Amino acid sequence: MTRFTHGLALVWGLTCALTIASVGFVESGWRGELASIVVVLLAAAKSRLVIVHYMEARRAARHWRMLYEGWNVVAAGAIIAGLLVGARG
């Protein structure tokens, strides 16, 4: 295995581990807002891994990389804000 494919295999393994952790949080009895927030944060981490490593954003120009990173933060923040507002209303 080359260094490049070895790195991608590690990223793939990490995304699988994050997916299993998400399921584990929900299935282990975590309920409500906290479980939802944890799952959204884990999903944001997975999307960042995919964008940076598989879509090769780490090699993109700085302004594109910041756009991708910003999109990930804003999307996760909007979902979490919606969860919190929805839970209160």
PDB file of N, CA and C in Angstrom:
ATOM      1  N   MET A   1       0.847  -1.174   0.000  1.00  0.00           N
ATOM      2  CA  MET A   1       0.000   0.000   0.000  1.00  0.00           C
ATOM      3  C   MET A   1       0.896   1.241   0.000  1.00  0.00           C
ATOM      4  N   THR A   2       0.582   2.192  -0.839  1.00  0.00           N
ATOM      5  CA  THR A   2       1.362   3.422  -0.861  1.00  0.00           C
ATOM      6  C   THR A   2       0.994   4.292   0.323  1.00  0.00           C
ATOM      7  N   ARG A   3       1.823   5.281   0.572  1.00  0.00           N
ATOM      8  CA  ARG A   3       1.556   6.198   1.689  1.00  0.00           C
ATOM      9  C   ARG A   3       0.220   6.911   1.499  1.00  0.00           C
ATOM     10  N   PHE A   4      -0.088   7.284   0.233  1.00  0.00           N
ATOM     11  CA  PHE A   4      -1.341   7.982  -0.063  1.00  0.00           C
ATOM     12  C   PHE A   4      -2.549   7.105   0.252  1.00  0.00           C
ATOM     13  N   THR A   5      -2.549   5.869  -0.238  1.00  0.00           N
ATOM     14  CA  THR A   5      -3.702   4.996   0.007  1.00  0.00           C
ATOM     15  C   THR A   5      -3.767   4.567   1.459  1.00  0.00           C
ATOM     16  N   HIS A   6      -2.617   4.454   2.118  1.00  0.00           N
ATOM     17  CA  HIS A   6      -2.613   4.124   3.544  1.00  0.00           C
ATOM     18  C   HIS A   6      -3.286   5.248   4.339  1.00  0.00           C
ATOM     19  N   GLY A   7      -2.975   6.498   3.992  1.00  0.00           N
ATOM     20  CA  GLY A   7      -3.601   7.639   4.662  1.00  0.00           C
ATOM     21  C   GLY A   7      -5.096   7.672   4.441  1.00  0.00           C
ATOM     22  N   LEU A   8      -5.532   7.397   3.214  1.00  0.00           N
ATOM     23  CA  LEU A   8      -6.967   7.378   2.934  1.00  0.00           C
ATOM     24  C   LEU A   8      -7.653   6.233   3.665  1.00  0.00           C
ATOM     25  N   ALA A   9      -6.971   5.109   3.803  1.00  0.00           N
ATOM     26  CA  ALA A   9      -7.549   3.985   4.547  1.00  0.00           C
ATOM     27  C   ALA A   9      -7.724   4.367   6.019  1.00  0.00           C
ATOM     28  N   LEU A  10      -6.769   5.104   6.571  1.00  0.00           N
ATOM     29  CA  LEU A  10      -6.909   5.566   7.954  1.00  0.00           C
ATOM     30  C   LEU A  10      -8.081   6.531   8.103  1.00  0.00           C
ATOM     31  N   VAL A  11      -8.237   7.426   7.148  1.00  0.00           N
ATOM     32  CA  VAL A  11      -9.364   8.368   7.186  1.00  0.00           C
ATOM     33  C   VAL A  11     -10.678   7.611   7.069  1.00  0.00           C
ATOM     34  N   TRP A  12     -10.719   6.622   6.188  1.00  0.00           N
ATOM     35  CA  TRP A  12     -11.928   5.811   6.042  1.00  0.00           C
ATOM     36  C   TRP A  12     -12.250   5.103   7.353  1.00  0.00           C
ATOM     37  N   GLY A  13     -11.232   4.536   8.004  1.00  0.00           N
ATOM     38  CA  GLY A  13     -11.442   3.875   9.283  1.00  0.00           C
ATOM     39  C   GLY A  13     -11.950   4.832  10.350  1.00  0.00           C
ATOM     40  N   LEU A  14     -11.425   6.049  10.333  1.00  0.00           N
ATOM     41  CA  LEU A  14     -11.877   7.054  11.298  1.00  0.00           C
ATOM     42  C   LEU A  14     -13.328   7.451  11.046  1.00  0.00           C
ATOM     43  N   THR A  15     -13.714   7.612   9.779  1.00  0.00           N
ATOM     44  CA  THR A  15     -15.118   7.936   9.493  1.00  0.00           C
ATOM     45  C   THR A  15     -16.037   6.790   9.918  1.00  0.00           C
ATOM     46  N   CYS A  16     -15.585   5.571   9.744  1.00  0.00           N
ATOM     47  CA  CYS A  16     -16.385   4.431  10.215  1.00  0.00           C
ATOM     48  C   CYS A  16     -16.508   4.448  11.734  1.00  0.00           C
ATOM     49  N   ALA A  17     -15.410   4.740  12.417  1.00  0.00           N
ATOM     50  CA  ALA A  17     -15.435   4.802  13.881  1.00  0.00           C
ATOM     51  C   ALA A  17     -16.363   5.908  14.372  1.00  0.00           C
ATOM     52  N   LEU A  18     -16.356   7.053  13.694  1.00  0.00           N
ATOM     53  CA  LEU A  18     -17.256   8.144  14.071  1.00  0.00           C
ATOM     54  C   LEU A  18     -18.715   7.763  13.841  1.00  0.00           C
ATOM     55  N   THR A  19     -18.976   7.017  12.779  1.00  0.00           N
ATOM     56  CA  THR A  19     -20.338   6.545  12.513  1.00  0.00           C
ATOM     57  C   THR A  19     -20.792   5.589  13.614  1.00  0.00           C
ATOM     58  N   ILE A  20     -19.920   4.674  13.991  1.00  0.00           N
ATOM     59  CA  ILE A  20     -20.251   3.727  15.066  1.00  0.00           C
ATOM     60  C   ILE A  20     -20.458   4.477  16.386  1.00  0.00           C
ATOM     61  N   ALA A  21     -19.634   5.486  16.637  1.00  0.00           N
ATOM     62  CA  ALA A  21     -19.803   6.284  17.857  1.00  0.00           C
ATOM     63  C   ALA A  21     -21.149   6.999  17.859  1.00  0.00           C
ATOM     64  N   SER A  22     -21.570   7.522  16.707  1.00  0.00           N
ATOM     65  CA  SER A  22     -22.870   8.197  16.612  1.00  0.00           C
ATOM     66  C   SER A  22     -23.996   7.242  16.970  1.00  0.00           C
ATOM     67  N   VAL A  23     -23.954   6.066  16.394  1.00  0.00           N
ATOM     68  CA  VAL A  23     -24.981   5.063  16.690  1.00  0.00           C
ATOM     69  C   VAL A  23     -24.913   4.676  18.161  1.00  0.00           C
ATOM     70  N   GLY A  24     -23.703   4.540  18.669  1.00  0.00           N
ATOM     71  CA  GLY A  24     -23.531   4.169  20.073  1.00  0.00           C
ATOM     72  C   GLY A  24     -24.127   5.182  21.032  1.00  0.00           C
ATOM     73  N   PHE A  25     -23.956   6.476  20.746  1.00  0.00           N
ATOM     74  CA  PHE A  25     -24.529   7.504  21.609  1.00  0.00           C
ATOM     75  C   PHE A  25     -26.047   7.396  21.668  1.00  0.00           C
ATOM     76  N   VAL A  26     -26.655   7.179  20.529  1.00  0.00           N
ATOM     77  CA  VAL A  26     -28.114   7.131  20.485  1.00  0.00           C
ATOM     78  C   VAL A  26     -28.634   5.823  21.080  1.00  0.00           C
ATOM     79  N   GLU A  27     -27.982   4.716  20.729  1.00  0.00           N
ATOM     80  CA  GLU A  27     -28.465   3.410  21.190  1.00  0.00           C
ATOM     81  C   GLU A  27     -28.168   3.139  22.660  1.00  0.00           C
ATOM     82  N   SER A  28     -27.208   3.858  23.237  1.00  0.00           N
ATOM     83  CA  SER A  28     -26.861   3.596  24.638  1.00  0.00           C
ATOM     84  C   SER A  28     -27.768   4.333  25.621  1.00  0.00           C
ATOM     85  N   GLY A  29     -28.750   5.006  25.118  1.00  0.00           N
ATOM     86  CA  GLY A  29     -29.701   5.650  26.007  1.00  0.00           C
ATOM     87  C   GLY A  29     -29.591   7.157  26.044  1.00  0.00           C
ATOM     88  N   TRP A  30     -28.633   7.731  25.349  1.00  0.00           N
ATOM     89  CA  TRP A  30     -28.553   9.195  25.279  1.00  0.00           C
ATOM     90  C   TRP A  30     -29.754   9.665  24.485  1.00  0.00           C
ATOM     91  N   ARG A  31     -30.499  10.540  25.032  1.00  0.00           N
ATOM     92  CA  ARG A  31     -31.690  11.038  24.344  1.00  0.00           C
ATOM     93  C   ARG A  31     -31.705  12.555  24.377  1.00  0.00           C
ATOM     94  N   GLY A  32     -32.575  13.110  23.585  1.00  0.00           N
ATOM     95  CA  GLY A  32     -32.802  14.541  23.615  1.00  0.00           C
ATOM     96  C   GLY A  32     -31.737  15.358  22.926  1.00  0.00           C
ATOM     97  N   GLU A  33     -31.631  16.583  23.402  1.00  0.00           N
ATOM     98  CA  GLU A  33     -30.773  17.572  22.751  1.00  0.00           C
ATOM     99  C   GLU A  33     -29.306  17.176  22.755  1.00  0.00           C
ATOM    100  N   LEU A  34     -28.831  16.655  23.860  1.00  0.00           N
ATOM    101  CA  LEU A  34     -27.412  16.347  23.969  1.00  0.00           C
ATOM    102  C   LEU A  34     -26.989  15.294  22.953  1.00  0.00           C
ATOM    103  N   ALA A  35     -27.756  14.238  22.823  1.00  0.00           N
ATOM    104  CA  ALA A  35     -27.436  13.196  21.840  1.00  0.00           C
ATOM    105  C   ALA A  35     -27.476  13.766  20.427  1.00  0.00           C
ATOM    106  N   SER A  36     -28.456  14.607  20.140  1.00  0.00           N
ATOM    107  CA  SER A  36     -28.562  15.202  18.815  1.00  0.00           C
ATOM    108  C   SER A  36     -27.371  16.097  18.514  1.00  0.00           C
ATOM    109  N   ILE A  37     -26.954  16.873  19.490  1.00  0.00           N
ATOM    110  CA  ILE A  37     -25.814  17.769  19.291  1.00  0.00           C
ATOM    111  C   ILE A  37     -24.531  16.962  19.067  1.00  0.00           C
ATOM    112  N   VAL A  38     -24.347  15.913  19.846  1.00  0.00           N
ATOM    113  CA  VAL A  38     -23.155  15.073  19.682  1.00  0.00           C
ATOM    114  C   VAL A  38     -23.142  14.435  18.300  1.00  0.00           C
ATOM    115  N   VAL A  39     -24.276  13.929  17.859  1.00  0.00           N
ATOM    116  CA  VAL A  39     -24.346  13.298  16.541  1.00  0.00           C
ATOM    117  C   VAL A  39     -24.065  14.318  15.439  1.00  0.00           C
ATOM    118  N   VAL A  40     -24.590  15.530  15.552  1.00  0.00           N
ATOM    119  CA  VAL A  40     -24.325  16.564  14.548  1.00  0.00           C
ATOM    120  C   VAL A  40     -22.841  16.933  14.533  1.00  0.00           C
ATOM    121  N   LEU A  41     -22.227  17.041  15.688  1.00  0.00           N
ATOM    122  CA  LEU A  41     -20.798  17.360  15.750  1.00  0.00           C
ATOM    123  C   LEU A  41     -19.943  16.243  15.161  1.00  0.00           C
ATOM    124  N   LEU A  42     -20.320  14.998  15.415  1.00  0.00           N
ATOM    125  CA  LEU A  42     -19.601  13.881  14.807  1.00  0.00           C
ATOM    126  C   LEU A  42     -19.786  13.868  13.287  1.00  0.00           C
ATOM    127  N   ALA A  43     -20.986  14.196  12.827  1.00  0.00           N
ATOM    128  CA  ALA A  43     -21.226  14.282  11.384  1.00  0.00           C
ATOM    129  C   ALA A  43     -20.410  15.407  10.752  1.00  0.00           C
ATOM    130  N   ALA A  44     -20.281  16.528  11.462  1.00  0.00           N
ATOM    131  CA  ALA A  44     -19.460  17.636  10.953  1.00  0.00           C
ATOM    132  C   ALA A  44     -17.999  17.224  10.856  1.00  0.00           C
ATOM    133  N   ALA A  45     -17.536  16.468  11.834  1.00  0.00           N
ATOM    134  CA  ALA A  45     -16.157  15.977  11.791  1.00  0.00           C
ATOM    135  C   ALA A  45     -15.958  15.037  10.606  1.00  0.00           C
ATOM    136  N   LYS A  46     -16.939  14.181  10.361  1.00  0.00           N
ATOM    137  CA  LYS A  46     -16.844  13.271   9.220  1.00  0.00           C
ATOM    138  C   LYS A  46     -16.868  14.033   7.898  1.00  0.00           C
ATOM    139  N   SER A  47     -17.724  15.031   7.784  1.00  0.00           N
ATOM    140  CA  SER A  47     -17.784  15.783   6.538  1.00  0.00           C
ATOM    141  C   SER A  47     -16.481  16.546   6.304  1.00  0.00           C
ATOM    142  N   ARG A  48     -15.867  17.038   7.377  1.00  0.00           N
ATOM    143  CA  ARG A  48     -14.576  17.714   7.242  1.00  0.00           C
ATOM    144  C   ARG A  48     -13.511  16.738   6.741  1.00  0.00           C
ATOM    145  N   LEU A  49     -13.498  15.533   7.293  1.00  0.00           N
ATOM    146  CA  LEU A  49     -12.547  14.530   6.830  1.00  0.00           C
ATOM    147  C   LEU A  49     -12.725  14.229   5.346  1.00  0.00           C
ATOM    148  N   VAL A  50     -13.970  14.077   4.928  1.00  0.00           N
ATOM    149  CA  VAL A  50     -14.244  13.786   3.515  1.00  0.00           C
ATOM    150  C   VAL A  50     -13.812  14.951   2.629  1.00  0.00           C
ATOM    151  N   ILE A  51     -14.159  16.167   3.019  1.00  0.00           N
ATOM    152  CA  ILE A  51     -13.812  17.341   2.213  1.00  0.00           C
ATOM    153  C   ILE A  51     -12.301  17.507   2.125  1.00  0.00           C
ATOM    154  N   VAL A  52     -11.623  17.402   3.236  1.00  0.00           N
ATOM    155  CA  VAL A  52     -10.181  17.659   3.249  1.00  0.00           C
ATOM    156  C   VAL A  52      -9.400  16.536   2.579  1.00  0.00           C
ATOM    157  N   HIS A  53      -9.751  15.288   2.862  1.00  0.00           N
ATOM    158  CA  HIS A  53      -8.932  14.181   2.392  1.00  0.00           C
ATOM    159  C   HIS A  53      -9.392  13.576   1.072  1.00  0.00           C
ATOM    160  N   TYR A  54     -10.677  13.345   0.904  1.00  0.00           N
ATOM    161  CA  TYR A  54     -11.147  12.712  -0.323  1.00  0.00           C
ATOM    162  C   TYR A  54     -11.376  13.713  -1.450  1.00  0.00           C
ATOM    163  N   MET A  55     -11.841  14.895  -1.099  1.00  0.00           N
ATOM    164  CA  MET A  55     -12.043  15.925  -2.128  1.00  0.00           C
ATOM    165  C   MET A  55     -10.783  16.774  -2.294  1.00  0.00           C
ATOM    166  N   GLU A  56      -9.750  16.462  -1.512  1.00  0.00           N
ATOM    167  CA  GLU A  56      -8.433  17.078  -1.598  1.00  0.00           C
ATOM    168  C   GLU A  56      -8.454  18.595  -1.418  1.00  0.00           C
ATOM    169  N   ALA A  57      -9.297  19.059  -0.521  1.00  0.00           N
ATOM    170  CA  ALA A  57      -9.355  20.494  -0.247  1.00  0.00           C
ATOM    171  C   ALA A  57      -8.086  20.989   0.433  1.00  0.00           C
ATOM    172  N   ARG A  58      -7.315  20.079   1.027  1.00  0.00           N
ATOM    173  CA  ARG A  58      -6.072  20.514   1.673  1.00  0.00           C
ATOM    174  C   ARG A  58      -5.080  21.064   0.659  1.00  0.00           C
ATOM    175  N   ARG A  59      -5.267  20.726  -0.606  1.00  0.00           N
ATOM    176  CA  ARG A  59      -4.391  21.238  -1.668  1.00  0.00           C
ATOM    177  C   ARG A  59      -4.991  22.439  -2.392  1.00  0.00           C
ATOM    178  N   ALA A  60      -6.186  22.808  -2.019  1.00  0.00           N
ATOM    179  CA  ALA A  60      -6.867  23.933  -2.669  1.00  0.00           C
ATOM    180  C   ALA A  60      -6.264  25.251  -2.195  1.00  0.00           C
ATOM    181  N   ALA A  61      -6.549  26.293  -2.950  1.00  0.00           N
ATOM    182  CA  ALA A  61      -6.117  27.625  -2.544  1.00  0.00           C
ATOM    183  C   ALA A  61      -6.728  27.961  -1.187  1.00  0.00           C
ATOM    184  N   ARG A  62      -6.043  28.805  -0.446  1.00  0.00           N
ATOM    185  CA  ARG A  62      -6.461  29.120   0.930  1.00  0.00           C
ATOM    186  C   ARG A  62      -7.904  29.617   1.007  1.00  0.00           C
ATOM    187  N   HIS A  63      -8.313  30.482   0.066  1.00  0.00           N
ATOM    188  CA  HIS A  63      -9.676  31.013   0.145  1.00  0.00           C
ATOM    189  C   HIS A  63     -10.721  29.919  -0.077  1.00  0.00           C
ATOM    190  N   TRP A  64     -10.418  28.930  -0.920  1.00  0.00           N
ATOM    191  CA  TRP A  64     -11.356  27.827  -1.107  1.00  0.00           C
ATOM    192  C   TRP A  64     -11.414  26.946   0.134  1.00  0.00           C
ATOM    193  N   ARG A  65     -10.272  26.698   0.717  1.00  0.00           N
ATOM    194  CA  ARG A  65     -10.232  25.875   1.928  1.00  0.00           C
ATOM    195  C   ARG A  65     -11.029  26.543   3.047  1.00  0.00           C
ATOM    196  N   MET A  66     -10.876  27.856   3.193  1.00  0.00           N
ATOM    197  CA  MET A  66     -11.625  28.578   4.224  1.00  0.00           C
ATOM    198  C   MET A  66     -13.130  28.542   3.927  1.00  0.00           C
ATOM    199  N   LEU A  67     -13.495  28.595   2.665  1.00  0.00           N
ATOM    200  CA  LEU A  67     -14.900  28.495   2.289  1.00  0.00           C
ATOM    201  C   LEU A  67     -15.460  27.131   2.683  1.00  0.00           C
ATOM    202  N   TYR A  68     -14.727  26.062   2.394  1.00  0.00           N
ATOM    203  CA  TYR A  68     -15.175  24.717   2.752  1.00  0.00           C
ATOM    204  C   TYR A  68     -15.289  24.553   4.267  1.00  0.00           C
ATOM    205  N   GLU A  69     -14.260  25.030   4.972  1.00  0.00           N
ATOM    206  CA  GLU A  69     -14.275  24.922   6.434  1.00  0.00           C
ATOM    207  C   GLU A  69     -15.413  25.757   7.028  1.00  0.00           C
ATOM    208  N   GLY A  70     -15.597  26.956   6.503  1.00  0.00           N
ATOM    209  CA  GLY A  70     -16.672  27.823   6.982  1.00  0.00           C
ATOM    210  C   GLY A  70     -18.041  27.226   6.736  1.00  0.00           C
ATOM    211  N   TRP A  71     -18.216  26.630   5.552  1.00  0.00           N
ATOM    212  CA  TRP A  71     -19.494  25.993   5.237  1.00  0.00           C
ATOM    213  C   TRP A  71     -19.792  24.891   6.248  1.00  0.00           C
ATOM    214  N   ASN A  72     -18.796  24.109   6.581  1.00  0.00           N
ATOM    215  CA  ASN A  72     -18.987  23.011   7.520  1.00  0.00           C
ATOM    216  C   ASN A  72     -19.396  23.537   8.899  1.00  0.00           C
ATOM    217  N   VAL A  73     -18.730  24.567   9.361  1.00  0.00           N
ATOM    218  CA  VAL A  73     -19.042  25.144  10.673  1.00  0.00           C
ATOM    219  C   VAL A  73     -20.439  25.777  10.678  1.00  0.00           C
ATOM    220  N   VAL A  74     -20.752  26.538   9.636  1.00  0.00           N
ATOM    221  CA  VAL A  74     -22.061  27.208   9.558  1.00  0.00           C
ATOM    222  C   VAL A  74     -23.184  26.184   9.451  1.00  0.00           C
ATOM    223  N   ALA A  75     -22.998  25.153   8.637  1.00  0.00           N
ATOM    224  CA  ALA A  75     -24.039  24.132   8.482  1.00  0.00           C
ATOM    225  C   ALA A  75     -24.288  23.407   9.806  1.00  0.00           C
ATOM    226  N   ALA A  76     -23.220  22.998  10.485  1.00  0.00           N
ATOM    227  CA  ALA A  76     -23.385  22.320  11.772  1.00  0.00           C
ATOM    228  C   ALA A  76     -24.015  23.261  12.801  1.00  0.00           C
ATOM    229  N   GLY A  77     -23.575  24.513  12.811  1.00  0.00           N
ATOM    230  CA  GLY A  77     -24.143  25.491  13.742  1.00  0.00           C
ATOM    231  C   GLY A  77     -25.617  25.742  13.491  1.00  0.00           C
ATOM    232  N   ALA A  78     -26.004  25.822  12.221  1.00  0.00           N
ATOM    233  CA  ALA A  78     -27.413  26.049  11.890  1.00  0.00           C
ATOM    234  C   ALA A  78     -28.276  24.865  12.313  1.00  0.00           C
ATOM    235  N   ILE A  79     -27.771  23.666  12.110  1.00  0.00           N
ATOM    236  CA  ILE A  79     -28.534  22.481  12.512  1.00  0.00           C
ATOM    237  C   ILE A  79     -28.679  22.428  14.031  1.00  0.00           C
ATOM    238  N   ILE A  80     -27.589  22.693  14.737  1.00  0.00           N
ATOM    239  CA  ILE A  80     -27.645  22.688  16.204  1.00  0.00           C
ATOM    240  C   ILE A  80     -28.576  23.794  16.712  1.00  0.00           C
ATOM    241  N   ALA A  81     -28.488  24.983  16.121  1.00  0.00           N
ATOM    242  CA  ALA A  81     -29.382  26.070  16.525  1.00  0.00           C
ATOM    243  C   ALA A  81     -30.833  25.683  16.279  1.00  0.00           C
ATOM    244  N   GLY A  82     -31.115  25.055  15.148  1.00  0.00           N
ATOM    245  CA  GLY A  82     -32.472  24.595  14.872  1.00  0.00           C
ATOM    246  C   GLY A  82     -32.944  23.559  15.873  1.00  0.00           C
ATOM    247  N   LEU A  83     -32.046  22.647  16.255  1.00  0.00           N
ATOM    248  CA  LEU A  83     -32.404  21.655  17.265  1.00  0.00           C
ATOM    249  C   LEU A  83     -32.749  22.317  18.592  1.00  0.00           C
ATOM    250  N   LEU A  84     -31.926  23.274  18.997  1.00  0.00           N
ATOM    251  CA  LEU A  84     -32.161  23.944  20.279  1.00  0.00           C
ATOM    252  C   LEU A  84     -33.415  24.796  20.268  1.00  0.00           C
ATOM    253  N   VAL A  85     -33.651  25.514  19.185  1.00  0.00           N
ATOM    254  CA  VAL A  85     -34.854  26.342  19.081  1.00  0.00           C
ATOM    255  C   VAL A  85     -36.091  25.456  19.019  1.00  0.00           C
ATOM    256  N   GLY A  86     -36.021  24.391  18.248  1.00  0.00           N
ATOM    257  CA  GLY A  86     -37.143  23.464  18.132  1.00  0.00           C
ATOM    258  C   GLY A  86     -37.471  22.764  19.435  1.00  0.00           C
ATOM    259  N   ALA A  87     -36.444  22.466  20.210  1.00  0.00           N
ATOM    260  CA  ALA A  87     -36.674  21.781  21.489  1.00  0.00           C
ATOM    261  C   ALA A  87     -37.309  22.714  22.523  1.00  0.00           C
ATOM    262  N   ARG A  88     -37.083  23.997  22.374  1.00  0.00           N
ATOM    263  CA  ARG A  88     -37.618  24.971  23.341  1.00  0.00           C
ATOM    264  C   ARG A  88     -39.028  25.454  22.945  1.00  0.00           C
ATOM    265  N   GLY A  89     -39.341  25.302  21.663  1.00  0.00           N
ATOM    266  CA  GLY A  89     -40.584  25.893  21.192  1.00  0.00           C
ATOM    267  C   GLY A  89     -41.711  24.994  21.038  1.00  0.00           C
TER     268      GLY A  89
END
